[in-house]
Amino acid sequence: ATLRGLGAVAVPRGEHRAAQAALETALGVLDSGGAFGIHP
């Protein structure tokens, strides 16, 4: 509940597949007009 309250979005663990899922999830946030935080 705390994570959701802070705007966290769940992504699966793993390597390449997880990285791709993370980017697609982030893109979904942006496509819906939201703000997305990232540490490059």
Full PDB file with SEQRES, HELIX, SHEET, SSBOND, CRYST1, ORIGX, SCALE, CONECT and MASTER records, all heavy atoms in Angstrom:
SEQRES   1 A   40  ALA THR LEU ARG GLY LEU GLY ALA VAL ALA VAL PRO ARG          
SEQRES   2 A   40  GLY GLU HIS ARG ALA ALA GLN ALA ALA LEU GLU THR ALA          
SEQRES   3 A   40  LEU GLY VAL LEU ASP SER GLY GLY ALA PHE GLY ILE HIS          
SEQRES   4 A   40  PRO                                                          
HELIX    1 AA1 THR A    2  GLY A    5  1                                   4    
HELIX    2 AA2 HIS A   16  ASP A   31  1                                  16    
CRYST1    1.000    1.000    1.000  90.00  90.00  90.00 P 1           1          
ORIGX1      1.000000  0.000000  0.000000        0.00000                         
ORIGX2      0.000000  1.000000  0.000000        0.00000                         
ORIGX3      0.000000  0.000000  1.000000        0.00000                         
SCALE1      1.000000  0.000000  0.000000        0.00000                         
SCALE2      0.000000  1.000000  0.000000        0.00000                         
SCALE3      0.000000  0.000000  1.000000        0.00000                         
ATOM      1  N   ALA A   1       0.831  -1.209   0.000  1.00  0.00           N  
ATOM      2  CA  ALA A   1       0.000   0.000   0.000  1.00  0.00           C  
ATOM      3  C   ALA A   1       0.862   1.254   0.000  1.00  0.00           C  
ATOM      4  O   ALA A   1       0.539   2.254  -0.667  1.00  0.00           O  
ATOM      5  CB  ALA A   1      -0.932  -0.004   1.209  1.00  0.00           C  
ATOM      6  N   THR A   2       1.971   1.219   0.739  1.00  0.00           N  
ATOM      7  CA  THR A   2       2.880   2.368   0.780  1.00  0.00           C  
ATOM      8  C   THR A   2       3.483   2.624  -0.595  1.00  0.00           C  
ATOM      9  O   THR A   2       3.542   3.765  -1.069  1.00  0.00           O  
ATOM     10  CB  THR A   2       3.993   2.131   1.806  1.00  0.00           C  
ATOM     11  OG1 THR A   2       3.412   1.960   3.100  1.00  0.00           O  
ATOM     12  CG2 THR A   2       4.961   3.306   1.846  1.00  0.00           C  
ATOM     13  N   LEU A   3       3.933   1.556  -1.249  1.00  0.00           N  
ATOM     14  CA  LEU A   3       4.527   1.698  -2.584  1.00  0.00           C  
ATOM     15  C   LEU A   3       3.503   2.247  -3.576  1.00  0.00           C  
ATOM     16  O   LEU A   3       3.815   3.137  -4.374  1.00  0.00           O  
ATOM     17  CB  LEU A   3       5.065   0.359  -3.060  1.00  0.00           C  
ATOM     18  CG  LEU A   3       6.332  -0.130  -2.342  1.00  0.00           C  
ATOM     19  CD1 LEU A   3       6.642  -1.560  -2.738  1.00  0.00           C  
ATOM     20  CD2 LEU A   3       7.507   0.774  -2.664  1.00  0.00           C  
ATOM     21  N   ARG A   4       2.287   1.734  -3.517  1.00  0.00           N  
ATOM     22  CA  ARG A   4       1.261   2.239  -4.435  1.00  0.00           C  
ATOM     23  C   ARG A   4       0.937   3.705  -4.137  1.00  0.00           C  
ATOM     24  O   ARG A   4       0.708   4.492  -5.051  1.00  0.00           O  
ATOM     25  CB  ARG A   4       0.005   1.379  -4.338  1.00  0.00           C  
ATOM     26  CG  ARG A   4       0.193  -0.042  -4.882  1.00  0.00           C  
ATOM     27  CD  ARG A   4      -1.125  -0.790  -4.995  1.00  0.00           C  
ATOM     28  NE  ARG A   4      -0.915  -2.141  -5.495  1.00  0.00           N  
ATOM     29  CZ  ARG A   4      -0.840  -3.222  -4.715  1.00  0.00           C  
ATOM     30  NH1 ARG A   4      -0.992  -3.100  -3.404  1.00  0.00           N  
ATOM     31  NH2 ARG A   4      -0.636  -4.411  -5.241  1.00  0.00           N  
ATOM     32  N   GLY A   5       0.922   4.049  -2.860  1.00  0.00           N  
ATOM     33  CA  GLY A   5       0.661   5.428  -2.499  1.00  0.00           C  
ATOM     34  C   GLY A   5       1.719   6.383  -3.003  1.00  0.00           C  
ATOM     35  O   GLY A   5       1.438   7.559  -3.270  1.00  0.00           O  
ATOM     36  N   LEU A   6       2.940   5.874  -3.151  1.00  0.00           N  
ATOM     37  CA  LEU A   6       4.036   6.692  -3.651  1.00  0.00           C  
ATOM     38  C   LEU A   6       4.160   6.634  -5.172  1.00  0.00           C  
ATOM     39  O   LEU A   6       5.054   7.260  -5.743  1.00  0.00           O  
ATOM     40  CB  LEU A   6       5.354   6.238  -3.011  1.00  0.00           C  
ATOM     41  CG  LEU A   6       5.487   6.525  -1.512  1.00  0.00           C  
ATOM     42  CD1 LEU A   6       6.762   5.907  -0.974  1.00  0.00           C  
ATOM     43  CD2 LEU A   6       5.477   8.023  -1.260  1.00  0.00           C  
ATOM     44  N   GLY A   7       3.291   5.865  -5.811  1.00  0.00           N  
ATOM     45  CA  GLY A   7       3.309   5.812  -7.272  1.00  0.00           C  
ATOM     46  C   GLY A   7       4.141   4.700  -7.858  1.00  0.00           C  
ATOM     47  O   GLY A   7       4.420   4.704  -9.063  1.00  0.00           O  
ATOM     48  N   ALA A   8       4.563   3.733  -7.044  1.00  0.00           N  
ATOM     49  CA  ALA A   8       5.395   2.653  -7.551  1.00  0.00           C  
ATOM     50  C   ALA A   8       4.608   1.733  -8.473  1.00  0.00           C  
ATOM     51  O   ALA A   8       3.432   1.465  -8.255  1.00  0.00           O  
ATOM     52  CB  ALA A   8       5.979   1.846  -6.401  1.00  0.00           C  
ATOM     53  N   VAL A   9       5.282   1.241  -9.506  1.00  0.00           N  
ATOM     54  CA  VAL A   9       4.701   0.306 -10.463  1.00  0.00           C  
ATOM     55  C   VAL A   9       5.526  -0.977 -10.424  1.00  0.00           C  
ATOM     56  O   VAL A   9       6.760  -0.931 -10.516  1.00  0.00           O  
ATOM     57  CB  VAL A   9       4.711   0.893 -11.889  1.00  0.00           C  
ATOM     58  CG1 VAL A   9       4.122  -0.101 -12.883  1.00  0.00           C  
ATOM     59  CG2 VAL A   9       3.941   2.209 -11.930  1.00  0.00           C  
ATOM     60  N   ALA A  10       4.875  -2.121 -10.274  1.00  0.00           N  
ATOM     61  CA  ALA A  10       5.580  -3.390 -10.136  1.00  0.00           C  
ATOM     62  C   ALA A  10       6.131  -3.870 -11.469  1.00  0.00           C  
ATOM     63  O   ALA A  10       5.470  -3.785 -12.503  1.00  0.00           O  
ATOM     64  CB  ALA A  10       4.638  -4.445  -9.562  1.00  0.00           C  
ATOM     65  N   VAL A  11       7.370  -4.377 -11.444  1.00  0.00           N  
ATOM     66  CA  VAL A  11       7.980  -5.009 -12.613  1.00  0.00           C  
ATOM     67  C   VAL A  11       8.619  -6.317 -12.165  1.00  0.00           C  
ATOM     68  O   VAL A  11       9.085  -6.432 -11.028  1.00  0.00           O  
ATOM     69  CB  VAL A  11       9.041  -4.111 -13.286  1.00  0.00           C  
ATOM     70  CG1 VAL A  11       8.403  -2.906 -13.928  1.00  0.00           C  
ATOM     71  CG2 VAL A  11      10.111  -3.684 -12.290  1.00  0.00           C  
ATOM     72  N   PRO A  12       8.651  -7.331 -13.032  1.00  0.00           N  
ATOM     73  CA  PRO A  12       9.227  -8.624 -12.645  1.00  0.00           C  
ATOM     74  C   PRO A  12      10.737  -8.578 -12.557  1.00  0.00           C  
ATOM     75  O   PRO A  12      11.391  -7.731 -13.159  1.00  0.00           O  
ATOM     76  CB  PRO A  12       8.774  -9.552 -13.782  1.00  0.00           C  
ATOM     77  CG  PRO A  12       8.627  -8.636 -14.958  1.00  0.00           C  
ATOM     78  CD  PRO A  12       8.117  -7.341 -14.395  1.00  0.00           C  
ATOM     79  N   ARG A  13      11.295  -9.537 -11.800  1.00  0.00           N  
ATOM     80  CA  ARG A  13      12.745  -9.669 -11.724  1.00  0.00           C  
ATOM     81  C   ARG A  13      13.250 -10.402 -12.953  1.00  0.00           C  
ATOM     82  O   ARG A  13      12.513 -11.045 -13.670  1.00  0.00           O  
ATOM     83  CB  ARG A  13      13.140 -10.433 -10.469  1.00  0.00           C  
ATOM     84  CG  ARG A  13      12.834  -9.712  -9.184  1.00  0.00           C  
ATOM     85  CD  ARG A  13      13.522 -10.364  -8.011  1.00  0.00           C  
ATOM     86  NE  ARG A  13      14.969 -10.188  -8.070  1.00  0.00           N  
ATOM     87  CZ  ARG A  13      15.800 -10.574  -7.093  1.00  0.00           C  
ATOM     88  NH1 ARG A  13      15.341 -11.183  -6.032  1.00  0.00           N  
ATOM     89  NH2 ARG A  13      17.093 -10.384  -7.193  1.00  0.00           N  
ATOM     90  N   GLY A  14      14.562 -10.320 -13.160  1.00  0.00           N  
ATOM     91  CA  GLY A  14      15.178 -10.979 -14.299  1.00  0.00           C  
ATOM     92  C   GLY A  14      16.205 -10.055 -14.909  1.00  0.00           C  
ATOM     93  O   GLY A  14      16.576  -9.047 -14.328  1.00  0.00           O  
ATOM     94  N   GLU A  15      16.632 -10.370 -16.129  1.00  0.00           N  
ATOM     95  CA  GLU A  15      17.633  -9.535 -16.767  1.00  0.00           C  
ATOM     96  C   GLU A  15      17.054  -8.887 -18.018  1.00  0.00           C  
ATOM     97  O   GLU A  15      16.348  -7.893 -17.928  1.00  0.00           O  
ATOM     98  CB  GLU A  15      18.881 -10.360 -17.053  1.00  0.00           C  
ATOM     99  CG  GLU A  15      19.532 -10.837 -15.735  1.00  0.00           C  
ATOM    100  CD  GLU A  15      20.911 -11.407 -15.943  1.00  0.00           C  
ATOM    101  OE1 GLU A  15      21.448 -11.278 -17.054  1.00  0.00           O  
ATOM    102  OE2 GLU A  15      21.460 -11.976 -14.989  1.00  0.00           O  
ATOM    103  N   HIS A  16      17.301  -9.461 -19.198  1.00  0.00           N  
ATOM    104  CA  HIS A  16      16.843  -8.780 -20.415  1.00  0.00           C  
ATOM    105  C   HIS A  16      15.324  -8.624 -20.435  1.00  0.00           C  
ATOM    106  O   HIS A  16      14.801  -7.555 -20.735  1.00  0.00           O  
ATOM    107  CB  HIS A  16      17.304  -9.549 -21.654  1.00  0.00           C  
ATOM    108  CG  HIS A  16      16.759  -8.972 -22.931  1.00  0.00           C  
ATOM    109  ND1 HIS A  16      17.235  -7.789 -23.474  1.00  0.00           N  
ATOM    110  CD2 HIS A  16      15.756  -9.382 -23.748  1.00  0.00           C  
ATOM    111  CE1 HIS A  16      16.555  -7.515 -24.568  1.00  0.00           C  
ATOM    112  NE2 HIS A  16      15.656  -8.455 -24.767  1.00  0.00           N  
ATOM    113  N   ARG A  17      14.602  -9.704 -20.109  1.00  0.00           N  
ATOM    114  CA  ARG A  17      13.146  -9.644 -20.181  1.00  0.00           C  
ATOM    115  C   ARG A  17      12.593  -8.619 -19.197  1.00  0.00           C  
ATOM    116  O   ARG A  17      11.661  -7.879 -19.506  1.00  0.00           O  
ATOM    117  CB  ARG A  17      12.563 -11.027 -19.898  1.00  0.00           C  
ATOM    118  CG  ARG A  17      11.044 -11.079 -20.051  1.00  0.00           C  
ATOM    119  CD  ARG A  17      10.538 -12.496 -20.117  1.00  0.00           C  
ATOM    120  NE  ARG A  17      10.993 -13.290 -18.975  1.00  0.00           N  
ATOM    121  CZ  ARG A  17      10.733 -14.591 -18.847  1.00  0.00           C  
ATOM    122  NH1 ARG A  17      10.064 -15.229 -19.785  1.00  0.00           N  
ATOM    123  NH2 ARG A  17      11.158 -15.250 -17.786  1.00  0.00           N  
ATOM    124  N   ALA A  18      13.198  -8.564 -18.001  1.00  0.00           N  
ATOM    125  CA  ALA A  18      12.741  -7.603 -17.009  1.00  0.00           C  
ATOM    126  C   ALA A  18      13.050  -6.177 -17.441  1.00  0.00           C  
ATOM    127  O   ALA A  18      12.246  -5.263 -17.230  1.00  0.00           O  
ATOM    128  CB  ALA A  18      13.383  -7.897 -15.659  1.00  0.00           C  
ATOM    129  N   ALA A  19      14.214  -5.980 -18.048  1.00  0.00           N  
ATOM    130  CA  ALA A  19      14.578  -4.641 -18.511  1.00  0.00           C  
ATOM    131  C   ALA A  19      13.610  -4.172 -19.588  1.00  0.00           C  
ATOM    132  O   ALA A  19      13.165  -3.007 -19.583  1.00  0.00           O  
ATOM    133  CB  ALA A  19      16.013  -4.641 -19.040  1.00  0.00           C  
ATOM    134  N   GLN A  20      13.258  -5.047 -20.502  1.00  0.00           N  
ATOM    135  CA  GLN A  20      12.310  -4.680 -21.546  1.00  0.00           C  
ATOM    136  C   GLN A  20      10.928  -4.414 -20.960  1.00  0.00           C  
ATOM    137  O   GLN A  20      10.246  -3.463 -21.341  1.00  0.00           O  
ATOM    138  CB  GLN A  20      12.231  -5.788 -22.597  1.00  0.00           C  
ATOM    139  CG  GLN A  20      11.368  -5.445 -23.800  1.00  0.00           C  
ATOM    140  CD  GLN A  20      11.886  -4.221 -24.553  1.00  0.00           C  
ATOM    141  OE1 GLN A  20      13.105  -4.040 -24.687  1.00  0.00           O  
ATOM    142  NE2 GLN A  20      10.983  -3.392 -25.036  1.00  0.00           N  
ATOM    143  N   ALA A  21      10.514  -5.247 -19.998  1.00  0.00           N  
ATOM    144  CA  ALA A  21       9.217  -5.041 -19.346  1.00  0.00           C  
ATOM    145  C   ALA A  21       9.188  -3.715 -18.613  1.00  0.00           C  
ATOM    146  O   ALA A  21       8.169  -3.005 -18.610  1.00  0.00           O  
ATOM    147  CB  ALA A  21       8.938  -6.185 -18.381  1.00  0.00           C  
ATOM    148  N   ALA A  22      10.317  -3.342 -17.998  1.00  0.00           N  
ATOM    149  CA  ALA A  22      10.386  -2.070 -17.271  1.00  0.00           C  
ATOM    150  C   ALA A  22      10.215  -0.894 -18.223  1.00  0.00           C  
ATOM    151  O   ALA A  22       9.471   0.061 -17.931  1.00  0.00           O  
ATOM    152  CB  ALA A  22      11.717  -1.969 -16.533  1.00  0.00           C  
ATOM    153  N   LEU A  23      10.889  -0.949 -19.368  1.00  0.00           N  
ATOM    154  CA  LEU A  23      10.767   0.137 -20.341  1.00  0.00           C  
ATOM    155  C   LEU A  23       9.343   0.233 -20.887  1.00  0.00           C  
ATOM    156  O   LEU A  23       8.795   1.329 -21.045  1.00  0.00           O  
ATOM    157  CB  LEU A  23      11.757  -0.069 -21.487  1.00  0.00           C  
ATOM    158  CG  LEU A  23      13.234   0.200 -21.168  1.00  0.00           C  
ATOM    159  CD1 LEU A  23      14.106  -0.157 -22.361  1.00  0.00           C  
ATOM    160  CD2 LEU A  23      13.451   1.653 -20.766  1.00  0.00           C  
ATOM    161  N   GLU A  24       8.738  -0.905 -21.161  1.00  0.00           N  
ATOM    162  CA  GLU A  24       7.371  -0.893 -21.686  1.00  0.00           C  
ATOM    163  C   GLU A  24       6.383  -0.376 -20.643  1.00  0.00           C  
ATOM    164  O   GLU A  24       5.437   0.358 -20.970  1.00  0.00           O  
ATOM    165  CB  GLU A  24       6.992  -2.298 -22.156  1.00  0.00           C  
ATOM    166  CG  GLU A  24       7.769  -2.735 -23.400  1.00  0.00           C  
ATOM    167  CD  GLU A  24       7.535  -4.185 -23.756  1.00  0.00           C  
ATOM    168  OE1 GLU A  24       6.798  -4.874 -23.002  1.00  0.00           O  
ATOM    169  OE2 GLU A  24       8.094  -4.649 -24.772  1.00  0.00           O  
ATOM    170  N   THR A  25       6.614  -0.729 -19.378  1.00  0.00           N  
ATOM    171  CA  THR A  25       5.755  -0.224 -18.305  1.00  0.00           C  
ATOM    172  C   THR A  25       5.897   1.285 -18.177  1.00  0.00           C  
ATOM    173  O   THR A  25       4.903   2.015 -18.049  1.00  0.00           O  
ATOM    174  CB  THR A  25       6.119  -0.897 -16.973  1.00  0.00           C  
ATOM    175  OG1 THR A  25       5.917  -2.307 -17.087  1.00  0.00           O  
ATOM    176  CG2 THR A  25       5.264  -0.358 -15.839  1.00  0.00           C  
ATOM    177  N   ALA A  26       7.141   1.763 -18.209  1.00  0.00           N  
ATOM    178  CA  ALA A  26       7.382   3.201 -18.124  1.00  0.00           C  
ATOM    179  C   ALA A  26       6.754   3.937 -19.304  1.00  0.00           C  
ATOM    180  O   ALA A  26       6.167   5.018 -19.138  1.00  0.00           O  
ATOM    181  CB  ALA A  26       8.878   3.473 -18.082  1.00  0.00           C  
ATOM    182  N   LEU A  27       6.855   3.355 -20.492  1.00  0.00           N  
ATOM    183  CA  LEU A  27       6.270   3.981 -21.674  1.00  0.00           C  
ATOM    184  C   LEU A  27       4.755   4.069 -21.536  1.00  0.00           C  
ATOM    185  O   LEU A  27       4.132   5.055 -21.954  1.00  0.00           O  
ATOM    186  CB  LEU A  27       6.653   3.191 -22.926  1.00  0.00           C  
ATOM    187  CG  LEU A  27       6.235   3.795 -24.269  1.00  0.00           C  
ATOM    188  CD1 LEU A  27       6.829   5.191 -24.450  1.00  0.00           C  
ATOM    189  CD2 LEU A  27       6.676   2.889 -25.421  1.00  0.00           C  
ATOM    190  N   GLY A  28       4.149   3.063 -20.919  1.00  0.00           N  
ATOM    191  CA  GLY A  28       2.706   3.103 -20.685  1.00  0.00           C  
ATOM    192  C   GLY A  28       2.312   4.255 -19.779  1.00  0.00           C  
ATOM    193  O   GLY A  28       1.282   4.905 -20.001  1.00  0.00           O  
ATOM    194  N   VAL A  29       3.121   4.515 -18.748  1.00  0.00           N  
ATOM    195  CA  VAL A  29       2.859   5.659 -17.860  1.00  0.00           C  
ATOM    196  C   VAL A  29       2.902   6.960 -18.650  1.00  0.00           C  
ATOM    197  O   VAL A  29       2.028   7.825 -18.520  1.00  0.00           O  
ATOM    198  CB  VAL A  29       3.898   5.690 -16.715  1.00  0.00           C  
ATOM    199  CG1 VAL A  29       3.780   6.996 -15.910  1.00  0.00           C  
ATOM    200  CG2 VAL A  29       3.721   4.494 -15.792  1.00  0.00           C  
ATOM    201  N   LEU A  30       3.910   7.100 -19.491  1.00  0.00           N  
ATOM    202  CA  LEU A  30       4.067   8.333 -20.272  1.00  0.00           C  
ATOM    203  C   LEU A  30       2.963   8.469 -21.320  1.00  0.00           C  
ATOM    204  O   LEU A  30       2.429   9.573 -21.535  1.00  0.00           O  
ATOM    205  CB  LEU A  30       5.445   8.349 -20.932  1.00  0.00           C  
ATOM    206  CG  LEU A  30       6.631   8.391 -19.960  1.00  0.00           C  
ATOM    207  CD1 LEU A  30       7.935   8.117 -20.694  1.00  0.00           C  
ATOM    208  CD2 LEU A  30       6.692   9.731 -19.238  1.00  0.00           C  
ATOM    209  N   ASP A  31       2.620   7.367 -21.971  1.00  0.00           N  
ATOM    210  CA  ASP A  31       1.563   7.419 -22.989  1.00  0.00           C  
ATOM    211  C   ASP A  31       0.216   7.818 -22.394  1.00  0.00           C  
ATOM    212  O   ASP A  31      -0.644   8.360 -23.096  1.00  0.00           O  
ATOM    213  CB  ASP A  31       1.439   6.057 -23.691  1.00  0.00           C  
ATOM    214  CG  ASP A  31       2.579   5.808 -24.676  1.00  0.00           C  
ATOM    215  OD1 ASP A  31       3.281   6.772 -25.022  1.00  0.00           O  
ATOM    216  OD2 ASP A  31       2.761   4.652 -25.086  1.00  0.00           O  
ATOM    217  N   SER A  32       0.044   7.563 -21.096  1.00  0.00           N  
ATOM    218  CA  SER A  32      -1.208   7.954 -20.435  1.00  0.00           C  
ATOM    219  C   SER A  32      -1.145   9.371 -19.872  1.00  0.00           C  
ATOM    220  O   SER A  32      -2.074   9.812 -19.190  1.00  0.00           O  
ATOM    221  CB  SER A  32      -1.547   6.961 -19.323  1.00  0.00           C  
ATOM    222  OG  SER A  32      -0.587   7.028 -18.283  1.00  0.00           O  
ATOM    223  N   GLY A  33      -0.049  10.079 -20.161  1.00  0.00           N  
ATOM    224  CA  GLY A  33       0.074  11.463 -19.726  1.00  0.00           C  
ATOM    225  C   GLY A  33       0.669  11.641 -18.352  1.00  0.00           C  
ATOM    226  O   GLY A  33       0.594  12.725 -17.768  1.00  0.00           O  
ATOM    227  N   GLY A  34       1.309  10.584 -17.815  1.00  0.00           N  
ATOM    228  CA  GLY A  34       1.849  10.651 -16.467  1.00  0.00           C  
ATOM    229  C   GLY A  34       3.299  11.091 -16.420  1.00  0.00           C  
ATOM    230  O   GLY A  34       3.969  11.250 -17.445  1.00  0.00           O  
ATOM    231  N   ALA A  35       3.784  11.276 -15.195  1.00  0.00           N  
ATOM    232  CA  ALA A  35       5.187  11.590 -14.939  1.00  0.00           C  
ATOM    233  C   ALA A  35       5.887  10.318 -14.481  1.00  0.00           C  
ATOM    234  O   ALA A  35       5.340   9.549 -13.678  1.00  0.00           O  
ATOM    235  CB  ALA A  35       5.307  12.670 -13.872  1.00  0.00           C  
ATOM    236  N   PHE A  36       7.098  10.111 -14.968  1.00  0.00           N  
ATOM    237  CA  PHE A  36       7.836   8.898 -14.642  1.00  0.00           C  
ATOM    238  C   PHE A  36       9.225   9.267 -14.155  1.00  0.00           C  
ATOM    239  O   PHE A  36       9.921  10.057 -14.787  1.00  0.00           O  
ATOM    240  CB  PHE A  36       7.933   7.976 -15.850  1.00  0.00           C  
ATOM    241  CG  PHE A  36       8.675   6.698 -15.569  1.00  0.00           C  
ATOM    242  CD1 PHE A  36       8.061   5.674 -14.870  1.00  0.00           C  
ATOM    243  CD2 PHE A  36       9.989   6.539 -15.967  1.00  0.00           C  
ATOM    244  CE1 PHE A  36       8.747   4.508 -14.567  1.00  0.00           C  
ATOM    245  CE2 PHE A  36      10.683   5.378 -15.676  1.00  0.00           C  
ATOM    246  CZ  PHE A  36      10.054   4.360 -14.972  1.00  0.00           C  
ATOM    247  N   GLY A  37       9.643   8.704 -13.014  1.00  0.00           N  
ATOM    248  CA  GLY A  37      10.967   8.968 -12.462  1.00  0.00           C  
ATOM    249  C   GLY A  37      11.934   7.835 -12.758  1.00  0.00           C  
ATOM    250  O   GLY A  37      11.569   6.660 -12.688  1.00  0.00           O  
ATOM    251  N   ILE A  38      13.167   8.186 -13.091  1.00  0.00           N  
ATOM    252  CA  ILE A  38      14.171   7.188 -13.453  1.00  0.00           C  
ATOM    253  C   ILE A  38      15.551   7.664 -13.020  1.00  0.00           C  
ATOM    254  O   ILE A  38      15.829   8.865 -12.997  1.00  0.00           O  
ATOM    255  CB  ILE A  38      14.140   6.917 -14.981  1.00  0.00           C  
ATOM    256  CG1 ILE A  38      15.046   5.748 -15.360  1.00  0.00           C  
ATOM    257  CG2 ILE A  38      14.515   8.177 -15.767  1.00  0.00           C  
ATOM    258  CD1 ILE A  38      14.900   5.310 -16.817  1.00  0.00           C  
ATOM    259  N   HIS A  39      16.406   6.706 -12.658  1.00  0.00           N  
ATOM    260  CA  HIS A  39      17.802   6.988 -12.337  1.00  0.00           C  
ATOM    261  C   HIS A  39      18.650   6.408 -13.471  1.00  0.00           C  
ATOM    262  O   HIS A  39      18.876   5.189 -13.512  1.00  0.00           O  
ATOM    263  CB  HIS A  39      18.201   6.347 -11.010  1.00  0.00           C  
ATOM    264  CG  HIS A  39      17.413   6.852  -9.837  1.00  0.00           C  
ATOM    265  ND1 HIS A  39      17.503   8.147  -9.381  1.00  0.00           N  
ATOM    266  CD2 HIS A  39      16.517   6.226  -9.036  1.00  0.00           C  
ATOM    267  CE1 HIS A  39      16.699   8.298  -8.339  1.00  0.00           C  
ATOM    268  NE2 HIS A  39      16.083   7.156  -8.122  1.00  0.00           N  
ATOM    269  N   PRO A  40      19.117   7.234 -14.410  1.00  0.00           N  
ATOM    270  CA  PRO A  40      19.855   6.691 -15.563  1.00  0.00           C  
ATOM    271  C   PRO A  40      21.129   5.945 -15.193  1.00  0.00           C  
ATOM    272  O   PRO A  40      21.585   5.105 -15.975  1.00  0.00           O  
ATOM    273  CB  PRO A  40      20.173   7.946 -16.389  1.00  0.00           C  
ATOM    274  CG  PRO A  40      19.124   8.941 -16.005  1.00  0.00           C  
ATOM    275  CD  PRO A  40      18.863   8.675 -14.552  1.00  0.00           C  
TER     276      PRO A  40                                                      
MASTER        0    0    0    2    0    0    0    6  275    1    0    4          
END                                                                             
